[in-house]
Amino acid sequence: MATRKPLVIVDGQLRQMASGDILDAQLNEVDFVPVTNDEANAIVICTPVYVNGEGTVKKAKADALSTSEVLGLVVDTSIAASASGRVLTDGRFTATTGQWDVVTGDVGGLTPGSVYYLNPTTAGKLTTTAPIADSEVVARIGKALSATVLEISINQPILL
């Protein structure tokens, strides 16, 4: 097998990486998006949200396409009404079991190996049961890697 050297940018020029050099870069892309809460009340950590307007978000719900296009999950412990915060759009999201319980309605955090969907009956909630009723929307949010870690992999919502 041939030895290959990665290409790097040095002083604006593309070059082969020199022997002995070390790559110093983050390997996992993680996207944080700044947002403003457009709800009348605070939005808590782990809550799925959709874009309601220019830079504003509301709790997502799988009862219509317009409210089920999830941007991501709230990263901050809480975003007060009209306040700014951050949303994670992909990658591994870690929270306590108690924080996940608030969003899933379960006890003990996430169920490892389970796929989580946007809830069609309660805004801002996740469920392991995919919606099946007419006019509901299937919006996959991610898969639990452990009781505290969700691998976010948001899919295009599908209207039933």
N, C-alpha and C. Protein backbone atom coordinates (compact mmCIF):
# COMPACT_ATOMS: atom_id res chain seq x y z
N MET A 1 0.84 -1.17 0.00
CA MET A 1 0.00 0.00 0.00
C MET A 1 0.89 1.23 0.00
N ALA A 2 0.55 2.17 -0.84
CA ALA A 2 1.33 3.40 -0.98
C ALA A 2 1.08 4.32 0.21
N THR A 3 2.12 5.03 0.61
CA THR A 3 1.99 6.03 1.66
C THR A 3 1.56 7.33 1.01
N ARG A 4 0.55 7.95 1.57
CA ARG A 4 0.05 9.20 1.01
C ARG A 4 0.10 10.29 2.06
N LYS A 5 0.39 11.48 1.59
CA LYS A 5 0.42 12.63 2.49
C LYS A 5 -0.80 13.50 2.21
N PRO A 6 -1.46 13.98 3.24
CA PRO A 6 -2.62 14.85 3.03
C PRO A 6 -2.19 16.22 2.50
N LEU A 7 -3.13 16.88 1.81
CA LEU A 7 -2.90 18.23 1.34
C LEU A 7 -3.32 19.20 2.43
N VAL A 8 -2.54 20.26 2.61
CA VAL A 8 -2.83 21.29 3.61
C VAL A 8 -2.64 22.65 2.96
N ILE A 9 -3.17 23.67 3.60
CA ILE A 9 -2.98 25.04 3.13
C ILE A 9 -1.97 25.70 4.06
N VAL A 10 -0.87 26.17 3.47
CA VAL A 10 0.18 26.85 4.22
C VAL A 10 0.38 28.22 3.59
N ASP A 11 0.15 29.27 4.38
CA ASP A 11 0.29 30.64 3.88
C ASP A 11 -0.51 30.86 2.60
N GLY A 12 -1.70 30.27 2.55
CA GLY A 12 -2.58 30.46 1.41
C GLY A 12 -2.27 29.58 0.21
N GLN A 13 -1.25 28.72 0.33
CA GLN A 13 -0.84 27.84 -0.77
C GLN A 13 -1.16 26.38 -0.41
N LEU A 14 -1.66 25.62 -1.40
CA LEU A 14 -1.96 24.21 -1.23
C LEU A 14 -0.67 23.42 -1.37
N ARG A 15 -0.34 22.59 -0.34
CA ARG A 15 0.90 21.82 -0.34
C ARG A 15 0.66 20.47 0.30
N GLN A 16 1.59 19.52 0.04
CA GLN A 16 1.55 18.26 0.76
C GLN A 16 2.02 18.52 2.18
N MET A 17 1.42 17.82 3.11
CA MET A 17 1.84 17.99 4.50
C MET A 17 3.26 17.46 4.67
N ALA A 18 4.10 18.22 5.34
CA ALA A 18 5.50 17.84 5.55
C ALA A 18 5.59 16.71 6.57
N SER A 19 6.59 15.86 6.41
CA SER A 19 6.83 14.78 7.37
C SER A 19 7.04 15.37 8.75
N GLY A 20 6.42 14.78 9.74
CA GLY A 20 6.56 15.25 11.11
C GLY A 20 5.52 16.28 11.52
N ASP A 21 4.80 16.88 10.54
CA ASP A 21 3.74 17.83 10.87
C ASP A 21 2.54 17.08 11.45
N ILE A 22 1.75 17.78 12.23
CA ILE A 22 0.56 17.20 12.86
C ILE A 22 -0.64 18.02 12.45
N LEU A 23 -1.72 17.33 12.06
CA LEU A 23 -2.97 18.04 11.77
C LEU A 23 -3.60 18.47 13.08
N ASP A 24 -3.98 19.71 13.16
CA ASP A 24 -4.64 20.25 14.35
C ASP A 24 -5.98 20.81 13.93
N ALA A 25 -6.97 19.93 13.79
CA ALA A 25 -8.29 20.36 13.34
C ALA A 25 -9.35 19.46 13.96
N GLN A 26 -10.51 20.01 14.17
CA GLN A 26 -11.62 19.23 14.70
C GLN A 26 -12.13 18.32 13.59
N LEU A 27 -12.31 17.04 13.91
CA LEU A 27 -12.73 16.08 12.91
C LEU A 27 -14.23 15.99 12.77
N ASN A 28 -14.96 16.28 13.81
CA ASN A 28 -16.43 16.19 13.76
C ASN A 28 -17.01 17.58 13.54
N GLU A 29 -17.82 17.72 12.51
CA GLU A 29 -18.50 18.98 12.28
C GLU A 29 -19.69 19.07 13.23
N VAL A 30 -19.78 20.15 13.92
CA VAL A 30 -20.92 20.38 14.82
C VAL A 30 -21.44 21.78 14.51
N ASP A 31 -22.72 21.87 14.29
CA ASP A 31 -23.30 23.15 13.90
C ASP A 31 -24.17 23.74 15.00
N PHE A 32 -23.76 24.88 15.50
CA PHE A 32 -24.53 25.64 16.46
C PHE A 32 -25.09 26.85 15.73
N VAL A 33 -26.38 27.10 15.89
CA VAL A 33 -27.02 28.22 15.22
C VAL A 33 -27.57 29.18 16.28
N PRO A 34 -27.25 30.48 16.19
CA PRO A 34 -27.84 31.44 17.12
C PRO A 34 -29.30 31.70 16.73
N VAL A 35 -30.18 31.71 17.73
CA VAL A 35 -31.61 31.92 17.48
C VAL A 35 -32.21 32.81 18.56
N THR A 36 -33.44 33.28 18.31
CA THR A 36 -34.20 34.03 19.30
C THR A 36 -35.50 33.29 19.54
N ASN A 37 -35.85 33.12 20.81
CA ASN A 37 -37.07 32.42 21.20
C ASN A 37 -38.28 33.29 20.89
N ASP A 38 -39.21 32.76 20.07
CA ASP A 38 -40.43 33.47 19.70
C ASP A 38 -41.65 32.95 20.48
N GLU A 39 -41.41 32.10 21.48
CA GLU A 39 -42.49 31.59 22.33
C GLU A 39 -42.78 32.60 23.44
N ALA A 40 -43.96 32.48 24.04
CA ALA A 40 -44.33 33.35 25.16
C ALA A 40 -43.59 32.95 26.45
N ASN A 41 -43.11 31.71 26.50
CA ASN A 41 -42.39 31.20 27.68
C ASN A 41 -41.01 30.71 27.27
N ALA A 42 -40.21 30.33 28.26
CA ALA A 42 -38.86 29.83 28.00
C ALA A 42 -38.92 28.50 27.25
N ILE A 43 -37.87 28.24 26.48
CA ILE A 43 -37.68 26.95 25.83
C ILE A 43 -36.48 26.30 26.50
N VAL A 44 -36.63 25.04 26.97
CA VAL A 44 -35.57 24.38 27.74
C VAL A 44 -34.67 23.53 26.85
N ILE A 45 -33.56 23.15 27.43
CA ILE A 45 -32.57 22.32 26.75
C ILE A 45 -33.21 21.06 26.19
N CYS A 46 -32.72 20.60 25.05
CA CYS A 46 -33.15 19.39 24.32
C CYS A 46 -34.43 19.58 23.51
N THR A 47 -35.09 20.72 23.62
CA THR A 47 -36.36 20.94 22.92
C THR A 47 -36.13 21.10 21.42
N PRO A 48 -36.88 20.33 20.60
CA PRO A 48 -36.79 20.53 19.15
C PRO A 48 -37.53 21.80 18.74
N VAL A 49 -36.90 22.59 17.86
CA VAL A 49 -37.50 23.85 17.43
C VAL A 49 -37.48 23.97 15.91
N TYR A 50 -38.40 24.81 15.40
CA TYR A 50 -38.45 25.11 13.97
C TYR A 50 -38.32 26.62 13.80
N VAL A 51 -37.93 27.03 12.60
CA VAL A 51 -37.77 28.46 12.32
C VAL A 51 -39.14 29.06 12.06
N ASN A 52 -39.49 30.06 12.87
CA ASN A 52 -40.78 30.73 12.76
C ASN A 52 -40.68 32.02 11.95
N GLY A 53 -39.55 32.62 11.98
CA GLY A 53 -39.32 33.88 11.27
C GLY A 53 -37.84 34.09 11.12
N GLU A 54 -37.43 35.26 10.73
CA GLU A 54 -36.02 35.59 10.54
C GLU A 54 -35.27 35.45 11.86
N GLY A 55 -34.60 34.31 12.06
CA GLY A 55 -33.81 34.09 13.26
C GLY A 55 -34.60 33.75 14.51
N THR A 56 -35.91 33.60 14.40
CA THR A 56 -36.72 33.25 15.57
C THR A 56 -37.21 31.82 15.46
N VAL A 57 -37.37 31.18 16.63
CA VAL A 57 -37.79 29.78 16.66
C VAL A 57 -38.95 29.57 17.63
N LYS A 58 -39.69 28.50 17.38
CA LYS A 58 -40.75 28.04 18.26
C LYS A 58 -40.60 26.54 18.43
N LYS A 59 -41.28 25.98 19.43
CA LYS A 59 -41.27 24.54 19.66
C LYS A 59 -41.89 23.83 18.47
N ALA A 60 -41.19 22.82 17.98
CA ALA A 60 -41.67 22.06 16.82
C ALA A 60 -42.72 21.04 17.24
N LYS A 61 -43.61 20.73 16.28
CA LYS A 61 -44.68 19.76 16.52
C LYS A 61 -44.99 19.06 15.20
N ALA A 62 -45.19 17.74 15.24
CA ALA A 62 -45.39 16.95 14.03
C ALA A 62 -46.86 16.86 13.62
N ASP A 63 -47.56 17.98 13.68
CA ASP A 63 -48.97 17.99 13.26
C ASP A 63 -49.18 18.75 11.95
N ALA A 64 -48.13 19.35 11.41
CA ALA A 64 -48.20 20.08 10.13
C ALA A 64 -46.78 20.23 9.59
N LEU A 65 -46.65 20.28 8.27
CA LEU A 65 -45.31 20.44 7.69
C LEU A 65 -44.62 21.71 8.17
N SER A 66 -45.37 22.79 8.29
CA SER A 66 -44.77 24.07 8.66
C SER A 66 -44.15 24.07 10.05
N THR A 67 -44.67 23.27 10.97
CA THR A 67 -44.13 23.24 12.34
C THR A 67 -43.24 22.04 12.60
N SER A 68 -43.05 21.19 11.59
CA SER A 68 -42.28 19.96 11.79
C SER A 68 -40.92 19.98 11.10
N GLU A 69 -40.58 21.08 10.44
CA GLU A 69 -39.26 21.18 9.82
C GLU A 69 -38.27 21.63 10.89
N VAL A 70 -37.76 20.66 11.63
CA VAL A 70 -36.92 20.92 12.80
C VAL A 70 -35.56 21.47 12.38
N LEU A 71 -35.19 22.60 12.99
CA LEU A 71 -33.87 23.18 12.80
C LEU A 71 -32.85 22.41 13.63
N GLY A 72 -33.21 22.11 14.87
CA GLY A 72 -32.31 21.41 15.78
C GLY A 72 -32.87 21.40 17.18
N LEU A 73 -31.99 21.10 18.15
CA LEU A 73 -32.38 21.03 19.56
C LEU A 73 -31.70 22.16 20.34
N VAL A 74 -32.44 22.74 21.26
CA VAL A 74 -31.91 23.83 22.09
C VAL A 74 -30.75 23.31 22.94
N VAL A 75 -29.63 24.02 22.89
CA VAL A 75 -28.42 23.63 23.61
C VAL A 75 -28.35 24.28 24.99
N ASP A 76 -28.81 25.51 25.09
CA ASP A 76 -28.73 26.23 26.36
C ASP A 76 -29.70 25.62 27.37
N THR A 77 -29.38 25.74 28.64
CA THR A 77 -30.25 25.21 29.69
C THR A 77 -31.66 25.72 29.52
N SER A 78 -31.80 26.98 29.15
CA SER A 78 -33.11 27.59 28.92
C SER A 78 -32.91 28.87 28.11
N ILE A 79 -33.84 29.11 27.18
CA ILE A 79 -33.84 30.38 26.44
C ILE A 79 -35.13 31.10 26.82
N ALA A 80 -35.02 32.21 27.53
CA ALA A 80 -36.19 32.96 27.96
C ALA A 80 -36.95 33.52 26.75
N ALA A 81 -38.20 33.86 26.94
CA ALA A 81 -39.01 34.46 25.88
C ALA A 81 -38.30 35.70 25.34
N SER A 82 -38.23 35.81 24.04
CA SER A 82 -37.60 36.93 23.32
C SER A 82 -36.08 37.01 23.50
N ALA A 83 -35.49 36.03 24.19
CA ALA A 83 -34.05 36.04 24.41
C ALA A 83 -33.34 35.22 23.32
N SER A 84 -32.03 35.39 23.25
CA SER A 84 -31.21 34.67 22.28
C SER A 84 -30.59 33.44 22.92
N GLY A 85 -30.34 32.44 22.10
CA GLY A 85 -29.70 31.21 22.56
C GLY A 85 -29.13 30.46 21.37
N ARG A 86 -28.80 29.18 21.60
CA ARG A 86 -28.19 28.38 20.54
C ARG A 86 -28.95 27.07 20.34
N VAL A 87 -28.90 26.60 19.09
CA VAL A 87 -29.52 25.34 18.70
C VAL A 87 -28.45 24.50 18.03
N LEU A 88 -28.41 23.20 18.34
CA LEU A 88 -27.49 22.26 17.70
C LEU A 88 -28.24 21.58 16.57
N THR A 89 -27.70 21.66 15.35
CA THR A 89 -28.40 21.12 14.18
C THR A 89 -27.97 19.72 13.79
N ASP A 90 -26.77 19.30 14.20
CA ASP A 90 -26.33 17.93 13.95
C ASP A 90 -25.21 17.59 14.91
N GLY A 91 -24.86 16.31 14.95
CA GLY A 91 -23.79 15.86 15.83
C GLY A 91 -24.35 15.18 17.07
N ARG A 92 -23.47 14.94 18.00
CA ARG A 92 -23.86 14.26 19.25
C ARG A 92 -24.28 15.30 20.29
N PHE A 93 -25.48 15.10 20.81
CA PHE A 93 -26.04 16.02 21.80
C PHE A 93 -26.09 15.29 23.14
N THR A 94 -25.40 15.83 24.13
CA THR A 94 -25.36 15.22 25.46
C THR A 94 -26.10 16.09 26.46
N ALA A 95 -26.99 15.46 27.23
CA ALA A 95 -27.73 16.13 28.30
C ALA A 95 -27.94 15.12 29.43
N THR A 96 -28.36 15.58 30.57
CA THR A 96 -28.62 14.66 31.68
C THR A 96 -29.88 13.85 31.41
N THR A 97 -30.03 12.74 32.15
CA THR A 97 -31.24 11.94 31.98
C THR A 97 -32.47 12.75 32.35
N GLY A 98 -32.36 13.58 33.36
CA GLY A 98 -33.48 14.43 33.77
C GLY A 98 -33.87 15.43 32.70
N GLN A 99 -32.88 16.00 32.02
CA GLN A 99 -33.17 16.95 30.94
C GLN A 99 -33.85 16.25 29.77
N TRP A 100 -33.41 15.04 29.43
CA TRP A 100 -34.08 14.28 28.37
C TRP A 100 -35.49 13.89 28.79
N ASP A 101 -35.68 13.55 30.07
CA ASP A 101 -37.00 13.15 30.55
C ASP A 101 -38.05 14.24 30.33
N VAL A 102 -37.64 15.49 30.50
CA VAL A 102 -38.57 16.62 30.30
C VAL A 102 -39.07 16.65 28.86
N VAL A 103 -38.20 16.33 27.91
CA VAL A 103 -38.55 16.42 26.49
C VAL A 103 -39.20 15.13 25.96
N THR A 104 -38.88 13.99 26.57
CA THR A 104 -39.43 12.72 26.08
C THR A 104 -40.66 12.27 26.88
N GLY A 105 -40.78 12.74 28.11
CA GLY A 105 -41.87 12.28 28.96
C GLY A 105 -41.58 10.94 29.61
N ASP A 106 -40.37 10.42 29.40
CA ASP A 106 -39.97 9.14 29.98
C ASP A 106 -39.21 9.37 31.28
N VAL A 107 -38.75 8.28 31.89
CA VAL A 107 -37.94 8.36 33.10
C VAL A 107 -36.66 7.58 32.84
N GLY A 108 -35.53 8.17 33.20
CA GLY A 108 -34.25 7.49 33.03
C GLY A 108 -33.50 7.89 31.78
N GLY A 109 -33.95 8.95 31.13
CA GLY A 109 -33.25 9.44 29.94
C GLY A 109 -33.67 8.73 28.68
N LEU A 110 -32.79 8.74 27.70
CA LEU A 110 -33.06 8.14 26.40
C LEU A 110 -32.95 6.62 26.47
N THR A 111 -33.58 5.95 25.51
CA THR A 111 -33.48 4.50 25.40
C THR A 111 -32.42 4.19 24.34
N PRO A 112 -31.25 3.68 24.76
CA PRO A 112 -30.17 3.42 23.80
C PRO A 112 -30.64 2.55 22.63
N GLY A 113 -30.25 2.97 21.42
CA GLY A 113 -30.62 2.24 20.21
C GLY A 113 -31.94 2.66 19.61
N SER A 114 -32.73 3.43 20.35
CA SER A 114 -34.04 3.86 19.84
C SER A 114 -33.92 5.09 18.95
N VAL A 115 -34.78 5.13 17.95
CA VAL A 115 -34.88 6.30 17.08
C VAL A 115 -35.92 7.23 17.69
N TYR A 116 -35.64 8.53 17.69
CA TYR A 116 -36.55 9.53 18.25
C TYR A 116 -37.14 10.38 17.13
N TYR A 117 -38.46 10.61 17.26
CA TYR A 117 -39.23 11.38 16.30
C TYR A 117 -39.83 12.59 16.99
N LEU A 118 -40.23 13.56 16.20
CA LEU A 118 -40.96 14.71 16.71
C LEU A 118 -42.35 14.26 17.11
N ASN A 119 -42.81 14.69 18.26
CA ASN A 119 -44.13 14.30 18.78
C ASN A 119 -45.24 15.05 18.04
N PRO A 120 -46.30 14.34 17.59
CA PRO A 120 -47.38 15.00 16.86
C PRO A 120 -48.46 15.62 17.76
N THR A 121 -48.43 15.31 19.05
CA THR A 121 -49.50 15.82 19.93
C THR A 121 -49.06 16.94 20.86
N THR A 122 -47.76 17.01 21.19
CA THR A 122 -47.28 18.03 22.12
C THR A 122 -46.07 18.74 21.52
N ALA A 123 -46.16 20.05 21.39
CA ALA A 123 -45.06 20.84 20.83
C ALA A 123 -43.83 20.75 21.71
N GLY A 124 -42.66 20.62 21.06
CA GLY A 124 -41.40 20.61 21.78
C GLY A 124 -41.05 19.28 22.43
N LYS A 125 -41.72 18.22 22.06
CA LYS A 125 -41.46 16.91 22.68
C LYS A 125 -40.97 15.92 21.63
N LEU A 126 -40.25 14.89 22.12
CA LEU A 126 -39.76 13.79 21.29
C LEU A 126 -40.43 12.50 21.72
N THR A 127 -40.51 11.54 20.80
CA THR A 127 -41.11 10.25 21.08
C THR A 127 -40.39 9.16 20.31
N THR A 128 -40.44 7.93 20.81
CA THR A 128 -39.86 6.80 20.08
C THR A 128 -40.89 6.16 19.16
N THR A 129 -42.11 6.64 19.20
CA THR A 129 -43.17 6.12 18.34
C THR A 129 -43.37 7.04 17.14
N ALA A 130 -43.14 6.50 15.96
CA ALA A 130 -43.33 7.31 14.75
C ALA A 130 -44.81 7.58 14.54
N PRO A 131 -45.18 8.79 14.16
CA PRO A 131 -46.58 9.11 13.87
C PRO A 131 -47.12 8.21 12.76
N ILE A 132 -48.43 7.87 12.85
CA ILE A 132 -49.04 7.00 11.84
C ILE A 132 -50.38 7.52 11.34
N ALA A 133 -50.93 8.53 11.98
CA ALA A 133 -52.26 9.03 11.61
C ALA A 133 -52.21 9.96 10.40
N ASP A 134 -53.32 9.98 9.66
CA ASP A 134 -53.43 10.90 8.53
C ASP A 134 -53.23 12.33 9.02
N SER A 135 -52.55 13.12 8.23
CA SER A 135 -52.23 14.53 8.45
C SER A 135 -51.16 14.76 9.53
N GLU A 136 -50.63 13.69 10.13
CA GLU A 136 -49.47 13.84 11.01
C GLU A 136 -48.22 13.80 10.15
N VAL A 137 -47.09 14.16 10.76
CA VAL A 137 -45.83 14.24 10.02
C VAL A 137 -44.79 13.37 10.70
N VAL A 138 -44.10 12.56 9.91
CA VAL A 138 -42.99 11.76 10.44
C VAL A 138 -41.72 12.61 10.28
N ALA A 139 -41.15 13.00 11.41
CA ALA A 139 -39.93 13.81 11.41
C ALA A 139 -38.91 13.14 12.33
N ARG A 140 -37.98 12.40 11.72
CA ARG A 140 -36.94 11.71 12.48
C ARG A 140 -35.94 12.74 12.98
N ILE A 141 -35.62 12.66 14.27
CA ILE A 141 -34.69 13.62 14.88
C ILE A 141 -33.32 13.00 15.11
N GLY A 142 -33.28 11.75 15.55
CA GLY A 142 -31.99 11.12 15.77
C GLY A 142 -32.11 9.79 16.46
N LYS A 143 -30.94 9.23 16.82
CA LYS A 143 -30.89 7.92 17.46
C LYS A 143 -30.10 8.02 18.76
N ALA A 144 -30.64 7.40 19.80
CA ALA A 144 -29.99 7.41 21.11
C ALA A 144 -28.79 6.48 21.13
N LEU A 145 -27.64 7.01 21.51
CA LEU A 145 -26.43 6.21 21.65
C LEU A 145 -26.28 5.71 23.07
N SER A 146 -26.90 6.42 24.00
CA SER A 146 -26.88 6.05 25.41
C SER A 146 -28.06 6.76 26.08
N ALA A 147 -28.17 6.65 27.38
CA ALA A 147 -29.26 7.31 28.10
C ALA A 147 -29.11 8.83 28.09
N THR A 148 -27.91 9.32 27.75
CA THR A 148 -27.66 10.77 27.78
C THR A 148 -27.20 11.37 26.46
N VAL A 149 -26.98 10.55 25.44
CA VAL A 149 -26.45 11.05 24.16
C VAL A 149 -27.37 10.68 23.00
N LEU A 150 -27.76 11.72 22.23
CA LEU A 150 -28.55 11.53 21.02
C LEU A 150 -27.72 11.96 19.82
N GLU A 151 -27.58 11.08 18.84
CA GLU A 151 -26.92 11.44 17.59
C GLU A 151 -27.98 12.09 16.72
N ILE A 152 -27.87 13.41 16.55
CA ILE A 152 -28.87 14.15 15.78
C ILE A 152 -28.68 13.86 14.30
N SER A 153 -29.73 13.41 13.65
CA SER A 153 -29.72 13.17 12.20
C SER A 153 -31.14 13.46 11.70
N ILE A 154 -31.42 14.74 11.57
CA ILE A 154 -32.76 15.20 11.22
C ILE A 154 -33.05 14.90 9.75
N ASN A 155 -34.17 14.22 9.51
CA ASN A 155 -34.59 13.90 8.13
C ASN A 155 -35.68 14.85 7.68
N GLN A 156 -35.85 14.93 6.37
CA GLN A 156 -36.93 15.71 5.78
C GLN A 156 -38.26 15.17 6.30
N PRO A 157 -39.14 16.01 6.81
CA PRO A 157 -40.44 15.52 7.33
C PRO A 157 -41.31 14.96 6.20
N ILE A 158 -42.09 13.93 6.56
CA ILE A 158 -42.99 13.27 5.60
C ILE A 158 -44.42 13.40 6.10
N LEU A 159 -45.26 14.06 5.32
CA LEU A 159 -46.67 14.24 5.67
C LEU A 159 -47.43 12.96 5.36
N LEU A 160 -48.17 12.44 6.34
CA LEU A 160 -48.97 11.23 6.14
C LEU A 160 -50.34 11.56 5.63
